[in-house]
Each structure stands twice: as C-alpha cells, then as structure tokens.
C-alpha cells in the first residue's frame, strides 16, 4: 500500500539550499534553460509544473493575483527565498530589469555579429531597406512587396534594425 503523499511545503523545502552570503535559497530541482526552477505543487504528473519562485510565493505568501508576476529582488533566477520575491505587473518587472541593468544587452551593438545582408537569414539588401524607409506605403503593403513580415518593416522604419545604414530618409 502506497504511503500518503507529502504536502507540497514538505516536498518544496527539500528542494533548495540556503546560500549564507546572499540569503538566496538556491533551487536544487529541475531548472530548464530559462534558469527558473520548476516545481509541481500537486503530486499528479498530469498537472503543470509551476515556476519554483512562483510556487515559493504561493506556499509562503498565498495566491498570486491575476495580472501580477512574481519578481526577484536579488535577480537570481533560481532563488526561491520568499523574502527575495515581490509581486509586480509585467511592466513593473521590465522596469525593474532595466533599472538594474539586466536589459542592457538589448541596446548594445554586438561586435562580430553579422549585420544587414551578411546575416544568414537576411532577405533584404541595403537598396531594399532604403526603399522601405522612403516609400510612402503602409507597412503591410511594404512587407508584401519585399517578402518580409510587417514587424520587420516597422523595425526598419523605426531604425531598430539595419541601423548601420543610418536613419530614415
């Protein structure tokens, strides 16, 4: 006869180790490429695994209101210490990341990265990009004309890609 399933809090508390210098509780369970630990609150293998930091919040603080995320004060993705967690909207979480410098990689020009038509997935030439920036047609029409997605046209026109050609003409 199988024993009674352990409560989630008991199973959870065996899955982290306190790090004495930072106070982080480092997750020892499954951690996919995202770096955020995973934990199944129920013992049913059919139930979805939750982010371990989200599970920590629920186990120690209660439910997560709709529209809010569990954010890290410590910026350690595998930390599950409830004292290092706070609730915030997606916007607040992104603002926190920017404020702490975690989004700087998005603004940096990365040396050595092939740009423009030298990039392996480029569909456009510099001539096409200049035309897209100067044509007086909407983005959907331009996308259709050049065989790219409307978001690509938008990013070209806002100078988010193909920056080495200069801004819009």
Protein backbone atom coordinates (compact mmCIF):
# COMPACT_ATOMS: atom_id res chain seq x y z
CA UNK A 1 0.00 0.00 0.00
CA UNK A 2 1.44 3.36 -1.05
CA UNK A 3 2.09 5.98 1.61
CA UNK A 4 0.22 9.22 1.81
CA UNK A 5 1.63 11.94 -0.46
CA UNK A 6 3.68 14.55 1.34
CA UNK A 7 2.27 18.08 1.47
CA UNK A 8 3.73 20.46 -1.13
CA UNK A 9 5.56 22.52 1.51
CA UNK A 10 7.42 19.42 2.74
CA UNK A 11 8.42 18.43 -0.79
CA UNK A 12 9.39 22.03 -1.60
CA UNK A 13 11.61 22.52 1.44
CA UNK A 14 13.80 19.55 0.43
CA UNK A 15 14.47 21.16 -2.97
CA UNK A 16 16.58 24.21 -2.08
CA UNK A 17 19.73 25.05 -0.18
CA UNK A 18 20.26 28.38 1.62
CA UNK A 19 23.24 30.35 0.36
CA UNK A 20 24.66 32.03 3.50
CA UNK A 21 26.30 35.06 1.87
CA UNK A 22 23.37 36.34 -0.20
CA UNK A 23 20.46 34.82 1.70
CA UNK A 24 19.21 33.25 -1.53
CA UNK A 25 17.57 29.85 -1.38
CA UNK A 26 19.06 28.10 -4.41
CA UNK A 27 16.75 25.68 -6.18
CA UNK A 28 18.12 22.14 -6.49
CA UNK A 29 15.26 20.70 -8.54
CA UNK A 30 14.64 20.85 -12.25
CA UNK A 31 15.94 24.04 -13.90
CA UNK A 32 15.34 24.37 -17.65
CA UNK A 33 17.34 26.68 -19.95
CA UNK A 34 15.35 29.70 -18.73
CA UNK A 35 17.19 29.44 -15.41
CA UNK A 36 13.95 29.46 -13.40
CA UNK A 37 13.39 26.34 -11.32
CA UNK A 38 10.28 24.22 -11.81
CA UNK A 39 8.07 22.65 -9.13
CA UNK A 40 4.83 20.70 -9.30
CA UNK A 41 2.57 21.76 -6.43
CA UNK A 42 0.44 18.64 -6.84
CA UNK A 43 1.74 15.09 -6.96
CA UNK A 44 -0.26 14.39 -10.12
CA UNK A 45 2.24 14.10 -13.00
CA UNK A 46 -0.50 15.37 -15.34
CA UNK A 47 -0.60 18.74 -13.55
CA UNK A 48 1.53 21.55 -14.90
CA UNK A 49 4.81 22.44 -13.21
CA UNK A 50 4.98 25.97 -11.83
CA UNK A 51 7.97 28.26 -11.67
CA UNK A 52 9.68 27.36 -8.38
CA UNK A 53 9.78 31.03 -7.36
CA UNK A 54 6.02 31.27 -8.05
CA UNK A 55 5.45 28.10 -6.02
CA UNK A 56 7.51 29.63 -3.18
CA UNK A 57 5.32 32.72 -3.23
CA UNK A 58 2.13 30.64 -3.13
CA UNK A 59 3.37 28.32 -0.39
CA UNK A 60 4.66 31.08 1.89
CA UNK A 61 2.52 34.11 0.98
CA UNK A 62 -0.68 32.88 -0.67
CA UNK A 63 -2.23 33.22 -4.10
CA UNK A 64 -0.81 35.36 -6.88
CA UNK A 65 -3.47 37.85 -8.01
CA UNK A 66 -4.39 37.85 -11.70
CA UNK A 67 -2.23 40.18 -13.75
CA UNK A 68 0.74 40.05 -11.37
CA UNK A 69 4.07 38.30 -11.68
CA UNK A 70 6.46 37.08 -9.00
CA UNK A 71 9.64 39.13 -9.38
CA UNK A 72 13.11 38.73 -7.83
CA UNK A 73 14.71 41.46 -5.70
CA UNK A 74 18.00 39.53 -5.83
CA UNK A 75 17.93 38.88 -9.61
CA UNK A 76 18.92 35.24 -9.07
CA UNK A 77 16.56 33.21 -11.24
CA UNK A 78 16.96 30.01 -9.22
CA UNK A 79 16.34 31.79 -5.89
CA UNK A 80 13.14 30.74 -4.12
CA UNK A 81 13.52 32.73 -0.87
CA UNK A 82 10.11 34.38 -0.37
CA UNK A 83 11.85 37.37 1.23
CA UNK A 84 13.66 37.95 -2.08
CA UNK A 85 10.40 37.93 -4.06
CA UNK A 86 7.78 40.59 -4.69
CA UNK A 87 4.65 40.94 -6.79
CA UNK A 88 4.55 43.29 -9.75
CA UNK A 89 2.96 43.79 -13.14
CA UNK A 90 4.81 42.75 -16.29
CA UNK A 91 5.63 46.44 -16.86
CA UNK A 92 6.99 46.85 -13.35
CA UNK A 93 9.08 43.69 -13.79
CA UNK A 94 10.57 45.06 -17.03
CA UNK A 95 11.21 48.47 -15.43
CA UNK A 96 12.97 46.71 -12.55
CA UNK A 97 15.13 44.80 -15.05
CA UNK A 98 16.05 48.00 -16.90
CA UNK A 99 16.77 49.87 -13.65
CA UNK A 100 19.11 47.07 -12.53
CA UNK A 101 20.87 46.88 -15.89
CA UNK A 102 19.57 43.42 -16.84
CA UNK A 103 18.29 44.65 -20.21
CA UNK A 104 21.47 46.38 -21.41
CA UNK A 105 22.29 43.53 -23.78
CA UNK A 106 19.29 44.54 -25.90
CA UNK A 107 20.68 48.01 -26.57
CA UNK A 108 24.28 47.01 -27.26
CA UNK A 109 25.68 46.63 -30.73
CA UNK A 110 27.41 43.29 -30.51
CA UNK A 111 30.74 43.34 -32.33
CA UNK A 112 31.32 40.46 -34.69
CA UNK A 113 27.60 39.81 -35.24
CA UNK A 114 26.90 39.78 -38.98
CA UNK A 115 24.67 42.70 -39.89
CA UNK A 116 22.46 43.54 -42.83
CA UNK A 117 22.71 41.34 -45.88
CA UNK A 118 25.68 39.48 -44.34
CA UNK A 119 23.36 37.98 -41.71
CA UNK A 120 22.48 34.36 -42.51
CA UNK A 121 18.73 34.98 -42.52
CA UNK A 122 18.70 38.34 -44.36
CA UNK A 123 16.06 38.62 -47.07
CA UNK A 124 16.72 42.27 -47.88
CA UNK A 125 19.51 44.25 -49.48
CA UNK A 126 20.59 47.75 -48.43
CA UNK A 127 18.73 49.05 -51.51
CA UNK A 128 15.53 47.34 -50.26
CA UNK A 129 15.92 48.86 -46.80
CA UNK A 130 16.41 52.36 -48.20
CA UNK A 131 13.30 51.86 -50.34
CA UNK A 132 11.25 50.63 -47.36
CA UNK A 133 12.28 53.71 -45.39
CA UNK A 134 11.41 56.09 -48.21
CA UNK A 135 8.29 54.52 -49.77
CA UNK A 136 5.05 56.20 -48.81
CA UNK A 137 3.02 53.00 -48.44
CA UNK A 138 1.75 51.32 -45.30
CA UNK A 139 3.79 48.62 -43.55
CA UNK A 140 1.61 45.70 -44.65
CA UNK A 141 1.92 46.71 -48.32
CA UNK A 142 5.68 47.22 -47.97
CA UNK A 143 6.02 43.84 -46.25
CA UNK A 144 4.11 42.13 -49.05
CA UNK A 145 6.18 43.91 -51.71
CA UNK A 146 9.52 42.88 -50.15
CA UNK A 147 8.51 39.43 -48.83
CA UNK A 148 9.05 40.14 -45.13
CA UNK A 149 6.83 40.44 -42.07
CA UNK A 150 5.11 43.76 -41.26
CA UNK A 151 7.03 43.82 -37.97
CA UNK A 152 10.27 43.77 -39.95
CA UNK A 153 9.13 46.82 -41.92
CA UNK A 154 8.18 48.56 -38.68
CA UNK A 155 11.55 47.77 -37.11
CA UNK A 156 13.37 49.05 -40.22
CA UNK A 157 11.37 52.29 -40.24
CA UNK A 158 11.99 52.85 -36.52
CA UNK A 159 15.71 52.23 -37.10
CA UNK A 160 15.79 49.24 -34.74
CA UNK A 161 17.40 47.05 -37.41
CA UNK A 162 19.70 47.91 -40.29
CA UNK A 163 20.98 50.78 -38.17
CA UNK A 164 24.32 50.77 -39.96
CA UNK A 165 22.57 52.29 -42.99
CA UNK A 166 21.55 55.33 -40.98
CA UNK A 167 18.08 56.56 -40.08
CA UNK A 168 15.01 57.01 -42.21
CA UNK A 169 15.45 59.18 -45.25
